[in-house]
Every structure is written in structure tokens, then in C-alpha cells.
């Protein structure tokens, strides 16, 4: 379950940027090629955040579809099945343009500093 390792990284990033403030919400963009199960990531996030400045924080996950750019006709299209092919001309000579990302895109912080942290 790689979601636990991803959750640990997300919490670490959130806490680093929170600089001692309580984290209320973390928003992620997760590409479909990352093969993340959103419910598993949310559960893992809740588990890892316990006792930290992110304890009780909401996790928002936006799934990013896979888009490819065709080298033959230069079209960009969304794809769902492998092998990836251009939606316009059907060529298989494509490059992934989106769908493999994993980004923390926003943090919502509370003004109150974190007081007691168990860890």
C-alpha cells in the first residue's frame, strides 16, 4: 500500500509549510497514472496526521485524467485505456502530458499555533 508512504510525504510537506500553525485542509492533485486509491490515501493521511499539527485536517483530492500529446499531429487528447493513442489520428507515438503528477496545491492553515503535539 504505497498510499501510506504518500500520506507521510504529504503530511511532512504540509507541516513544513505550516511553520507551526495548525493545518486545517490539504488539497492534492493526483494523476490517474499514480494508481492511488483516494479512500486509502485519505485513511492513511488521517492515520499519519494523528498527533501532529495536521491532526483532524481535511484532505481534498482532485484526480487528474491522463492526457497525451501526439508527436505526429501535435494534438492533445485525454485517454483512458492502454496503449495510449492519439484521439485525433490514432498514432501510438504519444507523450504523457498530464496524469502522472502528485502535487500539494493548497494548504488551509488556522491562525492559532499548534500547542501540544504527540510524536
N, C-alpha and C. Protein backbone atom coordinates (compact mmCIF):
# COMPACT_ATOMS: atom_id res chain seq x y z
N UNK A 1 0.85 -1.18 0.00
CA UNK A 1 0.00 0.00 0.00
C UNK A 1 0.90 1.24 0.00
N UNK A 2 1.17 1.77 -1.16
CA UNK A 2 2.04 2.94 -1.25
C UNK A 2 1.35 4.22 -0.81
N UNK A 3 0.05 4.16 -0.57
CA UNK A 3 -0.68 5.33 -0.10
C UNK A 3 -0.17 5.80 1.26
N UNK A 4 0.30 4.88 2.10
CA UNK A 4 0.82 5.26 3.41
C UNK A 4 2.09 6.10 3.25
N UNK A 5 2.97 5.69 2.38
CA UNK A 5 4.19 6.46 2.13
C UNK A 5 3.86 7.83 1.53
N UNK A 6 2.88 7.86 0.63
CA UNK A 6 2.47 9.14 0.05
C UNK A 6 1.87 10.04 1.12
N UNK A 7 1.05 9.49 2.00
CA UNK A 7 0.44 10.27 3.08
C UNK A 7 1.52 10.83 4.01
N UNK A 8 2.53 10.05 4.31
CA UNK A 8 3.63 10.54 5.15
C UNK A 8 4.32 11.74 4.50
N UNK A 9 4.54 11.66 3.20
CA UNK A 9 5.17 12.76 2.49
C UNK A 9 4.29 14.00 2.46
N UNK A 10 3.00 13.80 2.24
CA UNK A 10 2.06 14.93 2.19
C UNK A 10 1.98 15.62 3.55
N UNK A 11 1.90 14.85 4.62
CA UNK A 11 1.86 15.45 5.96
C UNK A 11 3.15 16.20 6.24
N UNK A 12 4.29 15.62 5.88
CA UNK A 12 5.58 16.29 6.10
C UNK A 12 5.64 17.62 5.35
N UNK A 13 5.19 17.63 4.11
CA UNK A 13 5.18 18.87 3.31
C UNK A 13 4.26 19.90 3.95
N UNK A 14 3.07 19.46 4.36
CA UNK A 14 2.10 20.38 4.97
C UNK A 14 2.67 21.00 6.24
N UNK A 15 3.27 20.17 7.09
CA UNK A 15 3.81 20.67 8.36
C UNK A 15 4.98 21.61 8.14
N UNK A 16 5.80 21.29 7.16
CA UNK A 16 6.95 22.16 6.85
C UNK A 16 6.48 23.55 6.43
N UNK A 17 5.47 23.60 5.59
CA UNK A 17 4.98 24.89 5.10
C UNK A 17 4.07 25.60 6.10
N UNK A 18 3.51 24.86 7.04
CA UNK A 18 2.63 25.47 8.04
C UNK A 18 3.42 26.29 9.06
N UNK A 19 4.67 25.97 9.24
CA UNK A 19 5.56 26.71 10.15
C UNK A 19 4.94 26.92 11.53
N UNK A 20 4.48 25.82 12.11
CA UNK A 20 3.96 25.88 13.47
C UNK A 20 2.48 26.18 13.60
N UNK A 21 1.82 26.50 12.51
CA UNK A 21 0.37 26.73 12.56
C UNK A 21 -0.34 25.40 12.32
N UNK A 22 -1.58 25.33 12.80
CA UNK A 22 -2.37 24.12 12.61
C UNK A 22 -2.86 24.05 11.16
N UNK A 23 -2.76 22.87 10.57
CA UNK A 23 -3.22 22.62 9.20
C UNK A 23 -4.69 22.21 9.27
N UNK A 24 -5.55 22.96 8.55
CA UNK A 24 -6.98 22.65 8.54
C UNK A 24 -7.38 21.83 7.31
N UNK A 25 -6.68 22.05 6.19
CA UNK A 25 -7.03 21.37 4.95
C UNK A 25 -5.80 21.30 4.04
N UNK A 26 -5.68 20.17 3.36
CA UNK A 26 -4.63 19.98 2.35
C UNK A 26 -5.32 19.58 1.06
N UNK A 27 -4.98 20.26 -0.02
CA UNK A 27 -5.55 19.92 -1.32
C UNK A 27 -4.46 19.34 -2.22
N UNK A 28 -4.79 18.21 -2.83
CA UNK A 28 -3.85 17.50 -3.71
C UNK A 28 -4.40 17.38 -5.12
N UNK A 29 -3.49 17.33 -6.07
CA UNK A 29 -3.80 16.90 -7.44
C UNK A 29 -3.06 15.59 -7.63
N UNK A 30 -3.80 14.55 -7.98
CA UNK A 30 -3.21 13.22 -8.14
C UNK A 30 -3.58 12.69 -9.52
N UNK A 31 -2.56 12.47 -10.34
CA UNK A 31 -2.77 11.92 -11.67
C UNK A 31 -3.20 10.46 -11.61
N UNK A 32 -4.03 10.06 -12.54
CA UNK A 32 -4.53 8.67 -12.56
C UNK A 32 -3.42 7.65 -12.77
N UNK A 33 -2.33 8.05 -13.41
CA UNK A 33 -1.23 7.12 -13.61
C UNK A 33 -0.51 6.78 -12.31
N UNK A 34 -0.73 7.55 -11.27
CA UNK A 34 -0.12 7.28 -9.96
C UNK A 34 -0.76 6.08 -9.28
N UNK A 35 -1.89 5.62 -9.79
CA UNK A 35 -2.59 4.45 -9.26
C UNK A 35 -2.83 4.56 -7.76
N UNK A 36 -3.32 5.73 -7.36
CA UNK A 36 -3.65 5.98 -5.96
C UNK A 36 -5.12 5.70 -5.75
N UNK A 37 -5.43 4.98 -4.70
CA UNK A 37 -6.82 4.75 -4.31
C UNK A 37 -7.17 5.89 -3.34
N UNK A 38 -8.04 6.83 -3.78
CA UNK A 38 -8.32 8.00 -2.95
C UNK A 38 -8.75 7.68 -1.52
N UNK A 39 -9.60 6.69 -1.34
CA UNK A 39 -10.05 6.35 0.02
C UNK A 39 -8.90 5.82 0.88
N UNK A 40 -7.98 5.07 0.28
CA UNK A 40 -6.81 4.57 1.01
C UNK A 40 -5.87 5.71 1.38
N UNK A 41 -5.71 6.66 0.46
CA UNK A 41 -4.85 7.80 0.74
C UNK A 41 -5.46 8.65 1.86
N UNK A 42 -6.78 8.86 1.81
CA UNK A 42 -7.45 9.64 2.85
C UNK A 42 -7.32 8.96 4.22
N UNK A 43 -7.51 7.65 4.26
CA UNK A 43 -7.36 6.90 5.51
C UNK A 43 -5.93 7.01 6.02
N UNK A 44 -4.96 6.82 5.14
CA UNK A 44 -3.55 6.89 5.52
C UNK A 44 -3.17 8.29 6.00
N UNK A 45 -3.71 9.31 5.34
CA UNK A 45 -3.45 10.69 5.74
C UNK A 45 -3.96 10.93 7.17
N UNK A 46 -5.17 10.47 7.43
CA UNK A 46 -5.75 10.64 8.76
C UNK A 46 -4.89 9.94 9.82
N UNK A 47 -4.43 8.75 9.50
CA UNK A 47 -3.60 7.97 10.41
C UNK A 47 -2.26 8.66 10.68
N UNK A 48 -1.59 9.08 9.63
CA UNK A 48 -0.27 9.69 9.75
C UNK A 48 -0.35 11.07 10.43
N UNK A 49 -1.44 11.78 10.21
CA UNK A 49 -1.58 13.14 10.76
C UNK A 49 -1.88 13.14 12.26
N UNK A 50 -2.32 12.02 12.79
CA UNK A 50 -2.66 11.97 14.22
C UNK A 50 -1.48 12.41 15.09
N UNK A 51 -1.78 13.32 16.02
CA UNK A 51 -0.76 13.79 16.94
C UNK A 51 0.17 14.84 16.37
N UNK A 52 -0.10 15.30 15.15
CA UNK A 52 0.73 16.33 14.54
C UNK A 52 -0.10 17.60 14.38
N UNK A 53 0.50 18.63 13.84
CA UNK A 53 -0.20 19.87 13.55
C UNK A 53 -1.23 19.73 12.44
N UNK A 54 -1.28 18.56 11.83
CA UNK A 54 -2.28 18.30 10.78
C UNK A 54 -3.38 17.37 11.26
N UNK A 55 -3.38 17.06 12.55
CA UNK A 55 -4.40 16.18 13.12
C UNK A 55 -5.78 16.78 12.90
N UNK A 56 -6.67 16.00 12.28
CA UNK A 56 -8.03 16.46 12.01
C UNK A 56 -8.18 17.26 10.73
N UNK A 57 -7.10 17.46 10.01
CA UNK A 57 -7.17 18.23 8.76
C UNK A 57 -7.95 17.45 7.70
N UNK A 58 -8.67 18.19 6.86
CA UNK A 58 -9.36 17.60 5.71
C UNK A 58 -8.35 17.37 4.60
N UNK A 59 -8.61 16.35 3.81
CA UNK A 59 -7.78 16.09 2.64
C UNK A 59 -8.67 16.15 1.41
N UNK A 60 -8.39 17.08 0.52
CA UNK A 60 -9.11 17.19 -0.75
C UNK A 60 -8.26 16.60 -1.86
N UNK A 61 -8.84 15.71 -2.63
CA UNK A 61 -8.10 15.05 -3.70
C UNK A 61 -8.80 15.30 -5.02
N UNK A 62 -8.09 15.90 -5.95
CA UNK A 62 -8.60 16.08 -7.31
C UNK A 62 -7.84 15.11 -8.22
N UNK A 63 -8.57 14.20 -8.84
CA UNK A 63 -7.94 13.25 -9.76
C UNK A 63 -7.75 13.91 -11.12
N UNK A 64 -6.54 13.82 -11.64
CA UNK A 64 -6.19 14.41 -12.93
C UNK A 64 -6.20 13.31 -13.98
N UNK A 65 -7.01 13.47 -15.03
CA UNK A 65 -7.04 12.44 -16.08
C UNK A 65 -5.74 12.40 -16.87
N UNK A 66 -5.53 11.30 -17.57
CA UNK A 66 -4.34 11.15 -18.41
C UNK A 66 -4.58 11.87 -19.74
N UNK A 67 -3.65 12.75 -20.09
CA UNK A 67 -3.67 13.44 -21.39
C UNK A 67 -2.35 13.14 -22.09
N UNK A 68 -2.45 12.92 -23.37
CA UNK A 68 -1.25 12.66 -24.17
C UNK A 68 -1.14 13.69 -25.29
N UNK A 69 0.11 13.95 -25.66
CA UNK A 69 0.40 14.84 -26.79
C UNK A 69 0.96 13.98 -27.91
N UNK A 70 0.36 14.11 -29.08
CA UNK A 70 0.76 13.30 -30.24
C UNK A 70 1.96 13.94 -30.93
N UNK A 71 2.96 13.13 -31.21
CA UNK A 71 4.15 13.63 -31.92
C UNK A 71 3.87 13.74 -33.42
N UNK A 72 2.89 13.00 -33.91
CA UNK A 72 2.59 13.01 -35.35
C UNK A 72 1.76 14.23 -35.75
N UNK A 73 0.64 14.44 -35.07
CA UNK A 73 -0.26 15.54 -35.48
C UNK A 73 -0.30 16.69 -34.48
N UNK A 74 0.43 16.54 -33.35
CA UNK A 74 0.55 17.56 -32.31
C UNK A 74 -0.75 17.84 -31.55
N UNK A 75 -1.72 16.96 -31.68
CA UNK A 75 -2.97 17.11 -30.92
C UNK A 75 -2.76 16.62 -29.49
N UNK A 76 -3.54 17.15 -28.59
CA UNK A 76 -3.55 16.68 -27.21
C UNK A 76 -4.91 16.08 -26.93
N UNK A 77 -4.94 14.91 -26.32
CA UNK A 77 -6.22 14.27 -26.04
C UNK A 77 -6.17 13.50 -24.73
N UNK A 78 -7.35 13.31 -24.15
CA UNK A 78 -7.50 12.55 -22.92
C UNK A 78 -7.65 11.08 -23.29
N UNK A 79 -6.98 10.21 -22.54
CA UNK A 79 -7.05 8.77 -22.81
C UNK A 79 -7.40 8.01 -21.55
N UNK A 80 -8.04 6.85 -21.74
CA UNK A 80 -8.44 6.03 -20.60
C UNK A 80 -7.85 4.63 -20.64
N UNK A 81 -7.46 4.17 -21.81
CA UNK A 81 -7.01 2.78 -21.95
C UNK A 81 -5.60 2.73 -22.52
N UNK A 82 -4.93 1.64 -22.16
CA UNK A 82 -3.58 1.40 -22.65
C UNK A 82 -3.65 0.41 -23.79
N UNK A 83 -2.89 0.50 -24.85
CA UNK A 83 -1.85 1.50 -25.07
C UNK A 83 -2.46 2.86 -25.41
N UNK A 84 -1.76 3.91 -24.99
CA UNK A 84 -2.24 5.25 -25.24
C UNK A 84 -2.07 5.61 -26.71
N UNK A 85 -3.13 6.14 -27.28
CA UNK A 85 -3.12 6.53 -28.69
C UNK A 85 -3.71 7.93 -28.82
N UNK A 86 -3.32 8.62 -29.86
CA UNK A 86 -3.84 9.95 -30.15
C UNK A 86 -5.33 9.89 -30.43
N UNK A 87 -6.08 10.77 -29.81
CA UNK A 87 -7.52 10.82 -30.02
C UNK A 87 -7.91 11.35 -31.38
N UNK A 88 -7.00 12.06 -32.02
CA UNK A 88 -7.31 12.63 -33.34
C UNK A 88 -6.90 11.68 -34.47
N UNK A 89 -5.63 11.26 -34.50
CA UNK A 89 -5.16 10.47 -35.65
C UNK A 89 -4.92 9.00 -35.33
N UNK A 90 -4.97 8.62 -34.05
CA UNK A 90 -4.79 7.22 -33.68
C UNK A 90 -3.35 6.77 -33.53
N UNK A 91 -2.39 7.67 -33.74
CA UNK A 91 -0.98 7.31 -33.64
C UNK A 91 -0.63 6.90 -32.22
N UNK A 92 0.31 5.96 -32.11
CA UNK A 92 0.76 5.50 -30.81
C UNK A 92 1.99 6.25 -30.32
N UNK A 93 2.54 7.11 -31.15
CA UNK A 93 3.73 7.89 -30.79
C UNK A 93 3.29 9.13 -30.02
N UNK A 94 2.99 8.92 -28.74
CA UNK A 94 2.48 9.99 -27.89
C UNK A 94 3.35 10.14 -26.65
N UNK A 95 3.26 11.30 -26.06
CA UNK A 95 3.97 11.59 -24.82
C UNK A 95 2.93 11.98 -23.77
N UNK A 96 3.11 11.48 -22.56
CA UNK A 96 2.17 11.82 -21.49
C UNK A 96 2.34 13.30 -21.14
N UNK A 97 1.25 14.05 -21.24
CA UNK A 97 1.25 15.48 -20.94
C UNK A 97 0.69 15.76 -19.55
N UNK A 98 -0.14 14.89 -19.03
CA UNK A 98 -0.72 15.03 -17.70
C UNK A 98 -1.22 13.68 -17.24
N UNK A 99 -1.30 13.53 -15.94
CA UNK A 99 -1.84 12.30 -15.38
C UNK A 99 -0.84 11.55 -14.53
N UNK A 100 0.41 12.04 -14.44
CA UNK A 100 1.39 11.37 -13.60
C UNK A 100 1.83 12.24 -12.43
N UNK A 101 1.11 13.34 -12.20
CA UNK A 101 1.51 14.26 -11.15
C UNK A 101 0.98 13.86 -9.77
N UNK A 102 1.64 14.38 -8.78
CA UNK A 102 1.19 14.30 -7.40
C UNK A 102 1.68 15.59 -6.75
N UNK A 103 0.76 16.54 -6.58
CA UNK A 103 1.12 17.88 -6.09
C UNK A 103 0.26 18.28 -4.90
N UNK A 104 0.90 18.85 -3.90
CA UNK A 104 0.16 19.57 -2.87
C UNK A 104 -0.07 20.96 -3.47
N UNK A 105 -1.33 21.28 -3.76
CA UNK A 105 -1.61 22.54 -4.45
C UNK A 105 -2.09 23.65 -3.53
N UNK A 106 -2.58 23.29 -2.35
CA UNK A 106 -3.04 24.33 -1.43
C UNK A 106 -3.08 23.80 -0.01
N UNK A 107 -2.84 24.71 0.91
CA UNK A 107 -2.97 24.42 2.34
C UNK A 107 -3.87 25.48 2.94
N UNK A 108 -4.74 25.04 3.82
CA UNK A 108 -5.54 25.98 4.60
C UNK A 108 -5.04 25.86 6.03
N UNK A 109 -4.57 26.98 6.57
CA UNK A 109 -4.00 26.99 7.91
C UNK A 109 -4.88 27.78 8.85
N UNK A 110 -4.83 27.41 10.12
CA UNK A 110 -5.52 28.17 11.16
C UNK A 110 -4.53 29.16 11.75
N UNK A 111 -5.02 30.29 12.22
CA UNK A 111 -4.14 31.30 12.80
C UNK A 111 -3.50 30.84 14.10
N UNK A 112 -4.20 30.01 14.84
CA UNK A 112 -3.68 29.56 16.13
C UNK A 112 -2.49 28.63 15.92
N UNK A 113 -1.44 28.82 16.71
CA UNK A 113 -0.29 27.91 16.60
C UNK A 113 -0.61 26.55 17.18
N UNK A 114 0.13 25.56 16.79
CA UNK A 114 -0.01 24.21 17.33
C UNK A 114 0.54 24.25 18.75
N UNK A 115 -0.21 23.69 19.68
CA UNK A 115 0.25 23.72 21.07
C UNK A 115 0.94 22.42 21.46
N UNK A 116 0.21 21.37 21.64
CA UNK A 116 0.82 20.10 22.05
C UNK A 116 0.77 19.13 20.90
N UNK A 117 1.89 18.56 20.61
CA UNK A 117 1.97 17.58 19.52
C UNK A 117 2.57 16.30 20.08
N UNK A 118 1.86 15.20 19.89
CA UNK A 118 2.37 13.88 20.28
C UNK A 118 3.10 13.29 19.10
N UNK A 119 4.31 12.96 19.23
CA UNK A 119 5.07 12.26 18.19
C UNK A 119 6.42 11.95 18.64
